[in-house]
Protein backbone atom coordinates (compact mmCIF):
# COMPACT_ATOMS: atom_id res chain seq x y z
CA MET A 1 228.70 234.10 220.80
CA THR A 2 226.00 231.51 220.06
CA THR A 3 225.53 229.68 216.81
CA SER A 4 222.07 229.05 215.46
CA ALA A 5 220.98 225.57 214.48
CA PRO A 6 220.78 224.86 210.75
CA VAL A 7 217.38 225.54 209.23
CA ALA A 8 215.67 222.99 207.00
CA PRO A 9 215.00 224.23 203.48
CA ALA A 10 211.49 224.39 202.13
CA GLU A 11 210.39 222.05 199.38
CA GLU A 12 209.52 223.51 196.00
CA PRO A 13 205.75 223.06 195.40
CA LEU A 14 204.73 221.26 192.21
CA SER A 15 202.11 222.31 189.71
CA ALA A 16 199.46 219.81 188.63
CA ALA A 17 201.35 219.17 185.37
CA GLU A 18 204.64 218.64 187.22
CA GLN A 19 202.99 216.25 189.65
CA ALA A 20 201.52 214.24 186.77
CA THR A 21 204.96 214.04 185.13
CA ARG A 22 206.53 212.94 188.41
CA THR A 23 203.88 210.24 188.90
CA ARG A 24 204.49 208.88 185.40
CA GLN A 25 208.24 208.78 185.95
CA ARG A 26 207.82 207.10 189.33
CA ARG A 27 205.85 204.27 187.75
CA ALA A 28 208.60 203.81 185.18
CA TRP A 29 211.16 203.85 188.01
CA TYR A 30 209.29 201.02 189.76
CA VAL A 31 209.56 198.95 186.58
CA TYR A 32 213.34 198.84 186.86
CA ASP A 33 213.03 197.06 190.21
CA TRP A 34 210.70 194.61 188.46
CA ALA A 35 213.31 194.21 185.69
CA ASN A 36 216.51 193.70 187.67
CA SER A 37 215.27 191.60 190.60
CA VAL A 38 215.30 188.46 188.46
CA PHE A 39 219.08 188.63 188.49
CA SER A 40 219.13 188.36 192.29
CA THR A 41 216.51 185.63 192.53
CA THR A 42 216.95 183.38 189.48
CA VAL A 43 220.67 183.85 188.83
CA VAL A 44 222.37 184.55 192.17
CA THR A 45 220.10 182.90 194.73
CA VAL A 46 218.96 179.70 193.01
CA PHE A 47 220.50 178.53 189.75
CA LEU A 48 223.99 179.80 188.94
CA GLY A 49 225.89 178.73 192.08
CA PRO A 50 225.17 174.98 191.91
CA TYR A 51 225.42 174.94 188.09
CA LEU A 52 228.76 176.75 187.90
CA THR A 53 230.09 174.51 190.68
CA ASP A 54 229.16 171.45 188.60
CA ILE A 55 230.93 172.98 185.57
CA ALA A 56 234.03 173.60 187.69
CA GLU A 57 233.99 170.05 189.07
CA ASN A 58 233.77 168.66 185.52
CA ALA A 59 236.87 170.64 184.60
CA ALA A 60 238.83 169.77 187.76
CA GLY A 61 241.74 167.38 187.77
CA PRO A 62 241.87 164.05 189.62
CA ASP A 63 242.71 165.92 192.84
CA GLY A 64 239.45 167.91 192.56
CA GLU A 65 241.32 171.17 191.94
CA LEU A 66 241.30 173.73 189.14
CA ARG A 67 244.32 175.62 187.89
CA VAL A 68 243.14 179.20 187.43
CA PHE A 69 246.06 181.13 185.93
CA GLY A 70 248.34 178.63 187.63
CA ILE A 71 246.70 179.01 191.05
CA PRO A 72 245.23 175.79 192.52
CA ILE A 73 241.59 176.23 193.57
CA ALA A 74 239.21 173.64 194.95
CA ALA A 75 236.39 173.22 192.44
CA GLY A 76 233.77 173.42 195.19
CA SER A 77 235.09 176.85 196.23
CA TYR A 78 235.18 178.35 192.73
CA PHE A 79 231.80 180.09 192.81
CA ALA A 80 232.46 181.54 196.27
CA TYR A 81 235.72 183.05 195.00
CA VAL A 82 233.96 184.46 191.95
CA VAL A 83 231.36 186.11 194.19
CA SER A 84 234.13 187.52 196.41
CA LEU A 85 235.94 188.93 193.37
CA SER A 86 232.79 190.65 192.12
CA ALA A 87 232.17 192.11 195.60
CA ALA A 88 235.74 193.43 195.75
CA LEU A 89 235.35 195.09 192.35
CA GLN A 90 232.06 196.66 193.43
CA PHE A 91 233.78 198.07 196.50
CA VAL A 92 236.13 200.00 194.20
CA VAL A 93 233.85 200.81 191.27
CA LEU A 94 230.42 201.70 192.70
CA PRO A 95 231.39 204.96 194.47
CA VAL A 96 233.23 206.12 191.34
CA VAL A 97 230.16 205.40 189.21
CA GLY A 98 228.08 207.47 191.62
CA ALA A 99 230.54 210.36 191.42
CA ILE A 100 230.50 210.25 187.60
CA ALA A 101 226.68 210.20 187.56
CA ASP A 102 226.43 213.27 189.78
CA ARG A 103 229.28 215.10 188.10
CA TYR A 104 228.07 214.76 184.52
CA GLY A 105 224.35 214.34 185.10
CA HIS A 106 223.57 211.62 182.54
CA LYS A 107 221.89 209.16 184.91
CA ARG A 108 219.36 207.86 182.39
CA GLN A 109 222.09 206.99 179.88
CA LEU A 110 224.21 205.38 182.58
CA LEU A 111 221.24 203.31 183.77
CA ALA A 112 220.73 202.07 180.22
CA LEU A 113 224.43 201.31 179.76
CA PHE A 114 224.80 199.24 182.91
CA ALA A 115 221.41 197.52 182.70
CA PHE A 116 221.79 196.41 179.08
CA PHE A 117 225.41 195.38 179.59
CA GLY A 118 224.48 193.35 182.68
CA SER A 119 221.51 191.71 181.01
CA ALA A 120 223.64 190.82 177.95
CA ALA A 121 226.26 189.19 180.19
CA THR A 122 223.46 187.28 181.93
CA MET A 123 222.03 186.07 178.62
CA ALA A 124 225.52 184.96 177.57
CA LEU A 125 225.57 182.54 180.53
CA TYR A 126 223.47 180.33 178.26
CA PHE A 127 226.71 179.39 176.48
CA VAL A 128 228.42 178.18 179.67
CA SER A 129 228.52 174.41 179.43
CA GLY A 130 230.99 171.53 179.43
CA GLU A 131 234.14 172.77 181.15
CA ARG A 132 233.75 176.53 180.47
CA TYR A 133 234.03 177.53 184.11
CA LEU A 134 236.27 180.54 183.33
CA LEU A 135 233.69 181.90 180.88
CA GLY A 136 230.94 181.42 183.46
CA GLY A 137 232.96 183.13 186.20
CA ALA A 138 233.92 186.07 183.98
CA LEU A 139 230.35 186.62 182.77
CA PHE A 140 229.00 186.53 186.33
CA VAL A 141 231.58 189.06 187.54
CA LEU A 142 230.68 191.42 184.68
CA ALA A 143 226.93 190.95 185.16
CA ASN A 144 227.09 191.41 188.93
CA LEU A 145 229.28 194.50 188.62
CA ALA A 146 226.93 196.04 186.04
CA PHE A 147 223.97 195.14 188.26
CA GLY A 148 225.49 196.99 191.21
CA CYS A 149 226.35 200.02 189.08
CA SER A 150 222.82 200.20 187.70
CA ILE A 151 221.37 200.09 191.23
CA VAL A 152 223.54 203.03 192.30
CA VAL A 153 222.16 205.13 189.44
CA TYR A 154 218.61 203.81 189.95
CA ASN A 155 218.59 204.69 193.66
CA ALA A 156 219.83 208.20 192.89
CA PHE A 157 216.51 208.93 191.13
CA LEU A 158 214.57 208.41 194.40
CA PRO A 159 215.05 211.90 195.92
CA GLU A 160 214.24 213.49 192.56
CA LEU A 161 210.96 211.59 192.14
CA SER A 162 209.54 211.96 195.65
CA GLY A 163 209.03 214.66 198.22
CA ALA A 164 210.22 214.28 201.80
CA ASP A 165 206.91 212.88 203.05
CA GLU A 166 206.48 210.55 200.05
CA ARG A 167 209.89 208.88 200.23
CA ASP A 168 208.99 205.86 202.38
CA ALA A 169 205.95 204.96 200.29
CA VAL A 170 207.78 205.37 196.97
CA SER A 171 210.79 203.35 198.09
CA SER A 172 208.54 200.62 199.50
CA ARG A 173 206.53 200.37 196.27
CA GLY A 174 209.75 200.00 194.31
CA TRP A 175 211.02 197.17 196.53
CA ALA A 176 207.61 195.48 196.51
CA THR A 177 207.43 195.64 192.71
CA GLY A 178 210.88 194.10 192.52
CA TYR A 179 210.01 191.23 194.82
CA LEU A 180 206.89 190.46 192.80
CA GLY A 181 208.75 190.50 189.47
CA GLY A 182 211.58 188.37 190.83
CA ALA A 183 209.14 185.89 192.33
CA LEU A 184 207.13 185.48 189.11
CA MET A 185 210.22 184.87 186.97
CA LEU A 186 211.65 182.47 189.54
CA ALA A 187 208.35 180.58 189.73
CA ALA A 188 208.34 180.15 185.95
CA ASN A 189 211.95 178.96 185.95
CA VAL A 190 211.40 176.56 188.84
CA ALA A 191 208.41 175.12 186.97
CA LEU A 192 210.56 174.66 183.86
CA TYR A 193 213.29 173.02 185.92
CA SER A 194 210.81 170.69 187.63
CA MET A 195 209.33 169.58 184.28
CA ARG A 196 212.65 169.29 182.45
CA GLY A 197 212.32 165.52 182.03
CA ASP A 198 208.85 165.79 180.51
CA LEU A 199 210.11 168.52 178.18
CA GLY A 200 213.09 166.45 177.05
CA LEU A 201 215.63 168.81 178.63
CA SER A 202 218.72 167.90 180.59
CA THR A 203 219.38 169.56 183.94
CA GLY A 204 222.05 171.75 182.35
CA GLN A 205 219.77 172.83 179.51
CA ALA A 206 216.97 173.75 181.92
CA VAL A 207 219.36 175.88 183.99
CA ARG A 208 220.82 177.59 180.93
CA ILE A 209 217.34 178.44 179.59
CA SER A 210 216.44 179.87 183.01
CA LEU A 211 219.55 182.06 183.02
CA LEU A 212 218.83 183.21 179.46
CA ALA A 213 215.22 184.02 180.39
CA ALA A 214 216.37 186.12 183.35
CA GLY A 215 218.66 188.15 181.11
CA VAL A 216 215.95 188.69 178.52
CA TRP A 217 213.45 189.75 181.23
CA TRP A 218 215.98 192.24 182.64
CA ALA A 219 216.67 193.77 179.22
CA VAL A 220 213.08 193.96 177.97
CA PHE A 221 211.61 195.65 181.06
CA THR A 222 214.56 198.06 181.31
CA ILE A 223 213.25 199.68 178.13
CA VAL A 224 210.40 201.28 180.11
CA PRO A 225 212.45 203.33 182.63
CA VAL A 226 215.04 204.22 180.00
CA ALA A 227 212.30 205.56 177.74
CA VAL A 228 210.38 207.48 180.42
CA LEU A 229 212.90 208.73 183.01
CA ARG A 230 214.64 212.05 182.41
CA ASN A 231 217.93 213.47 183.61
CA ARG A 232 217.10 215.78 186.50
CA ARG A 233 218.94 217.34 189.42
CA ARG A 234 218.10 218.32 192.96
CA LEU A 235 219.63 221.73 193.66
CA LEU A 236 219.62 224.00 196.68
CA VAL A 237 218.52 227.39 195.38
CA GLY A 238 218.26 229.94 198.15
CA ASP A 239 216.13 228.38 200.85
CA ARG A 240 214.39 225.85 198.59
CA ALA A 241 215.28 222.35 197.40
CA VAL A 242 214.50 222.39 193.67
CA VAL A 243 214.39 219.57 191.10
CA THR A 244 215.44 220.85 187.69
CA ASP A 245 215.65 219.39 184.20
CA ALA A 246 218.79 221.40 183.44
CA GLU A 247 221.43 219.46 181.47
CA GLY A 248 225.18 219.65 181.82
CA PRO A 249 227.50 219.66 184.82
CA ALA A 250 226.26 221.45 187.91
CA GLY A 251 227.44 221.86 191.46
CA PRO A 252 225.33 221.03 194.50
CA SER A 253 224.51 224.69 195.08
CA GLY A 254 222.94 225.05 191.64
CA SER A 255 225.81 226.95 190.06
CA ALA A 256 227.59 225.60 186.99
CA LEU A 257 230.90 223.89 187.51
CA ASP A 258 233.83 225.86 186.18
CA GLY A 259 235.54 224.70 183.02
CA SER A 260 238.56 223.29 184.84
CA ALA A 261 236.31 220.78 186.56
CA LEU A 262 235.81 219.03 183.23
CA ASP A 263 239.50 218.65 182.41
CA GLY A 264 240.72 215.08 181.89
CA SER A 265 238.73 211.97 181.31
CA VAL A 266 235.35 211.18 182.80
CA LEU A 267 236.92 208.45 184.92
CA THR A 268 239.59 210.78 186.31
CA GLY A 269 236.96 213.37 187.09
CA GLY A 270 234.90 210.72 188.88
CA PHE A 271 237.83 209.71 191.08
CA ARG A 272 238.54 213.34 191.96
CA GLN A 273 234.91 213.95 192.82
CA LEU A 274 234.84 210.80 194.97
CA GLY A 275 237.96 211.97 196.79
CA ARG A 276 236.26 215.24 197.68
CA THR A 277 233.16 213.41 198.84
CA LEU A 278 235.13 211.08 201.11
CA ARG A 279 236.90 214.06 202.64
CA GLU A 280 233.55 215.75 203.25
CA LEU A 281 231.79 212.65 204.64
CA PRO A 282 233.00 213.02 208.26
CA GLY A 283 231.33 216.44 208.25
CA TYR A 284 227.98 214.70 207.77
CA ARG A 285 228.25 212.77 211.01
CA GLN A 286 224.68 211.44 211.06
CA ALA A 287 224.94 210.10 207.51
CA LEU A 288 228.26 208.43 208.37
CA LEU A 289 226.82 206.91 211.55
CA PHE A 290 223.83 205.59 209.60
CA LEU A 291 226.12 204.03 206.98
CA ILE A 292 228.05 202.17 209.69
CA ALA A 293 224.81 201.00 211.33
CA TYR A 294 223.45 199.89 207.95
CA LEU A 295 226.68 198.07 207.13
CA LEU A 296 226.27 196.01 210.30
CA TYR A 297 222.56 195.14 210.28
CA ASN A 298 222.37 194.70 206.51
CA ASP A 299 225.32 192.31 206.70
CA GLY A 300 223.17 190.32 209.11
CA VAL A 301 220.25 190.42 206.68
CA GLN A 302 222.37 189.33 203.70
CA SER A 303 224.03 186.58 205.76
CA VAL A 304 220.68 185.13 206.81
CA ILE A 305 219.53 185.15 203.18
CA THR A 306 222.77 183.60 201.92
CA LEU A 307 223.33 181.01 204.65
CA SER A 308 219.79 179.91 205.49
CA ALA A 309 219.82 177.33 202.66
CA SER A 310 223.00 175.73 204.03
CA TYR A 311 221.55 175.75 207.54
CA ALA A 312 218.33 174.14 206.29
CA ASP A 313 220.31 171.51 204.40
CA LYS A 314 223.05 170.58 206.86
CA GLU A 315 221.39 171.14 210.23
CA LEU A 316 217.64 170.93 209.62
CA GLU A 317 217.93 168.16 207.00
CA LEU A 318 215.31 169.71 204.73
CA SER A 319 214.99 168.73 201.06
CA GLU A 320 215.92 170.87 198.07
CA GLN A 321 212.22 171.18 197.21
CA VAL A 322 211.46 172.65 200.64
CA ARG A 323 214.35 175.09 200.36
CA ILE A 324 213.39 176.32 196.87
CA THR A 325 209.69 176.67 197.66
CA THR A 326 210.61 178.61 200.80
CA ILE A 327 212.71 181.01 198.71
CA LEU A 328 209.72 181.49 196.39
CA MET A 329 207.36 182.08 199.30
CA VAL A 330 209.72 184.64 200.86
CA GLN A 331 209.69 186.66 197.62
CA PHE A 332 205.90 186.84 197.54
CA VAL A 333 205.59 187.60 201.26
CA ALA A 334 208.28 190.29 200.98
CA PHE A 335 206.08 192.04 198.39
CA GLY A 336 203.39 192.53 201.02
CA GLY A 337 205.91 193.12 203.81
CA ALA A 338 207.50 196.06 201.99
CA LEU A 339 204.11 197.72 201.49
CA LEU A 340 203.01 196.99 205.06
CA LEU A 341 206.12 198.41 206.72
CA GLY A 342 205.97 201.40 204.37
CA ARG A 343 202.49 202.21 205.64
CA LEU A 344 203.56 201.71 209.24
CA ALA A 345 206.47 204.10 208.69
CA GLY A 346 204.01 206.77 207.56
CA ARG A 347 202.13 206.35 210.83
CA TYR A 348 204.85 205.71 213.41
CA GLY A 349 208.04 207.06 211.81
CA THR A 350 210.66 205.39 209.61
CA LYS A 351 213.40 205.05 212.20
CA ARG A 352 211.06 203.46 214.75
CA VAL A 353 209.81 200.90 212.22
CA VAL A 354 213.34 199.98 211.09
CA LEU A 355 214.44 199.56 214.72
CA THR A 356 211.42 197.33 215.34
CA SER A 357 212.30 195.26 212.27
CA LEU A 358 215.79 194.68 213.70
CA VAL A 359 214.23 193.34 216.89
CA LEU A 360 212.16 190.96 214.76
CA TRP A 361 215.26 189.88 212.82
CA THR A 362 216.95 189.06 216.12
CA ALA A 363 213.91 187.01 217.16
CA VAL A 364 213.90 185.14 213.82
CA VAL A 365 217.56 184.14 214.19
CA GLY A 366 216.93 183.10 217.79
CA LEU A 367 213.99 180.92 216.75
CA ALA A 368 216.08 179.35 213.97
CA TYR A 369 218.56 178.22 216.63
CA PHE A 370 215.83 176.20 218.40
CA LEU A 371 214.14 174.86 215.25
CA PRO A 372 214.13 171.02 215.32
CA ALA A 373 215.41 168.97 212.38
CA ARG A 374 212.98 168.10 209.54
CA ALA A 375 210.42 170.61 210.84
CA GLN A 376 209.05 171.72 207.48
CA LEU A 377 206.03 173.67 208.73
CA GLN A 378 208.08 175.63 211.26
CA PHE A 379 210.68 176.40 208.58
CA TYR A 380 207.98 177.75 206.25
CA LEU A 381 206.61 179.91 209.08
CA LEU A 382 210.08 181.23 209.79
CA GLY A 383 210.48 181.99 206.08
CA ALA A 384 207.21 183.93 206.13
CA ALA A 385 208.45 185.97 209.09
CA ILE A 386 211.65 186.75 207.19
CA GLY A 387 209.62 187.83 204.18
CA ILE A 388 207.59 190.31 206.25
CA VAL A 389 210.63 192.12 207.67
CA LEU A 390 212.94 191.63 204.67
CA GLY A 391 211.27 193.95 202.17
CA GLY A 392 210.44 196.61 204.74
CA THR A 393 213.92 196.73 206.26
CA GLN A 394 215.54 197.23 202.86
CA ALA A 395 212.99 199.68 201.46
CA LEU A 396 212.85 201.90 204.54
CA SER A 397 216.63 201.90 204.99
CA ARG A 398 216.94 203.23 201.45
CA SER A 399 214.39 205.99 201.99
CA LEU A 400 215.85 206.87 205.40
CA TYR A 401 219.33 207.25 203.95
CA SER A 402 218.04 209.35 201.04
CA HIS A 403 217.11 212.09 203.53
CA LEU A 404 220.71 212.24 204.81
CA ILE A 405 222.34 212.72 201.39
CA PRO A 406 223.68 216.23 200.66
CA VAL A 407 221.73 217.95 197.92
CA GLY A 408 223.21 217.27 194.48
CA LYS A 409 225.28 214.23 195.54
CA GLU A 410 222.64 211.51 195.41
CA ALA A 411 224.46 209.03 193.18
CA GLU A 412 227.79 209.47 194.98
CA TYR A 413 226.29 208.75 198.36
CA PHE A 414 224.23 205.86 197.04
CA GLY A 415 227.49 204.46 195.69
CA LEU A 416 228.76 204.39 199.29
CA TYR A 417 225.42 202.91 200.35
CA GLU A 418 225.70 200.09 197.84
CA ILE A 419 229.18 199.08 198.95
CA SER A 420 227.82 199.00 202.50
CA GLU A 421 225.21 196.58 201.15
CA LYS A 422 227.25 194.46 198.75
CA GLY A 423 230.95 195.21 199.00
CA THR A 424 231.25 194.33 202.69
CA SER A 425 228.86 191.37 202.74
CA PHE A 426 231.71 188.95 203.43
CA ILE A 427 231.84 189.86 207.14
CA GLY A 428 228.72 187.93 208.19
CA PRO A 429 229.66 184.74 206.32
CA LEU A 430 233.16 185.03 207.80
CA VAL A 431 231.76 185.18 211.35
CA PHE A 432 229.41 182.30 210.53
CA GLY A 433 232.29 180.24 209.13
CA LEU A 434 234.57 180.92 212.09
CA SER A 435 231.80 180.04 214.55
CA LEU A 436 231.16 176.79 212.70
CA GLN A 437 234.85 175.95 212.61
CA LEU A 438 235.36 176.66 216.32
CA THR A 439 232.21 174.97 217.63
CA ASP A 440 231.39 172.45 214.88
CA SER A 441 227.75 173.53 215.32
CA TYR A 442 225.56 175.08 212.65
CA ARG A 443 223.17 176.23 215.38
CA THR A 444 225.86 178.22 217.15
CA ALA A 445 227.00 179.59 213.80
CA ILE A 446 223.53 180.86 212.86
CA LEU A 447 223.08 182.35 216.34
CA SER A 448 226.34 184.29 215.93
CA LEU A 449 224.58 186.49 213.35
CA VAL A 450 222.52 188.09 216.13
CA ILE A 451 225.46 190.35 216.91
CA PHE A 452 224.99 192.21 213.60
CA PHE A 453 221.37 193.09 214.35
CA VAL A 454 222.11 194.11 217.93
CA ALA A 455 225.10 196.29 216.97
CA GLY A 456 223.16 197.83 214.07
CA PHE A 457 220.22 198.58 216.38
CA VAL A 458 222.46 200.34 218.91
CA LEU A 459 224.13 202.54 216.31
CA LEU A 460 220.92 203.36 214.42
CA ALA A 461 219.26 204.36 217.70
CA ARG A 462 222.03 206.95 218.14
CA VAL A 463 221.49 208.59 214.74
CA ASP A 464 219.92 212.04 215.11
CA LEU A 465 217.89 211.91 211.93
CA ARG A 466 216.37 215.36 212.13
CA ARG A 467 219.76 217.01 212.52
CA GLY A 468 221.23 214.86 209.76
CA VAL A 469 218.44 215.79 207.34
CA VAL A 470 218.87 219.50 207.97
CA GLU A 471 222.68 219.36 207.73
CA ALA A 472 222.34 217.65 204.36
CA GLY A 473 220.21 220.54 203.11
CA ASN A 474 216.99 218.54 202.78
CA PRO A 475 213.41 219.28 203.86
CA VAL A 476 212.49 217.42 207.05
CA PRO A 477 209.52 215.02 206.65
CA HIS A 478 206.71 215.18 209.20
CA ARG A 479 207.56 211.68 210.43
CA ILE A 480 211.01 210.15 210.24
């Protein structure tokens, strides 16, 4: 007896009015990337780490250590531990948030809840001064956790707002919009910081105003997607993938969940739903293989972003001004890079473009190994190369994964995607740190990151995307 291969469902055609509504909601969806990216650039990448470290050092005892709930911690390590704690919490919380969003269907309200909570915690960083390192650490953990939760819900809108053949372009425009917004806010804050003396501000005041401005930016622009987006669902009805405005709990097949499914609290229901999803995940082998590949190569991407400043400082002996202006330049270049790679994906296929970007990442890390000290021009050129592949790699990975998600479980699976992006991002820095400790060479340490791109390339090359898309119950795009 032979078994037939699964058949891809057709995509429900849209009327002119439905297409106009979808276009309007897409534009509002892009605005959330514009809103939240300032948290990554201004808060996480540039200002909070050094500032909170200074606060911790001011509060430390004569031995340079803090006593956090009786535990001795080196003041210089405080921010790193805070980041690790927030990543650990995301690892636990993000998949549950995704399960709750899919189970109860209130994605717009959840987006508002997490975005406004995160932006409020970010604005409250303005009050971190003197020796308030515990307040600063707690607010960052809350803000970063809310940020991750909001991204899970935000990403889950992508399959609802774009057809199979539109996904790469829509995802790329979202990433590009985010890079542009983050770059503009960072440029304004860097200008304020540079002119702090002329404005009569201390270094601490300039940083606190920058953190406050990032929180305000995040909150104000979040109003647009919250006002325009609507709760919708992708359902598999017969042989068609349908997006519906129906409210209330629904199963992935389009039928209503039975009453017993709503027993207990929302949180308990979310954990139960997540448990079912994790048990089902091995059945979606291509999605699981992609997640593992993404975990590896994205860990390489995040490690390069995180550790390049230390490499530039300690090994290349480049000034703080060069490092900050390079970060700014990367944001602007990544705006164009995301759009460029999105267009290339439409011509050559998403998987092929992502694989090519991993080859370029490997080349970038290899060139960084040979970069001579104090070579400012070469460092800027390397930063530009990173910007080109950075936005495209992230945007196309998101759209690629969206095709592999079972119909009706978008937020749950994007919760797993986000912990692959954020919750496991300690692996690359750990390899970097061990390489540095064993060889006492920053160059060897940076070169060790190549293994993540190579391993990710090998696994991604093995993913049978067409089969994975069909098994997930999604229409197959013409190029993937």
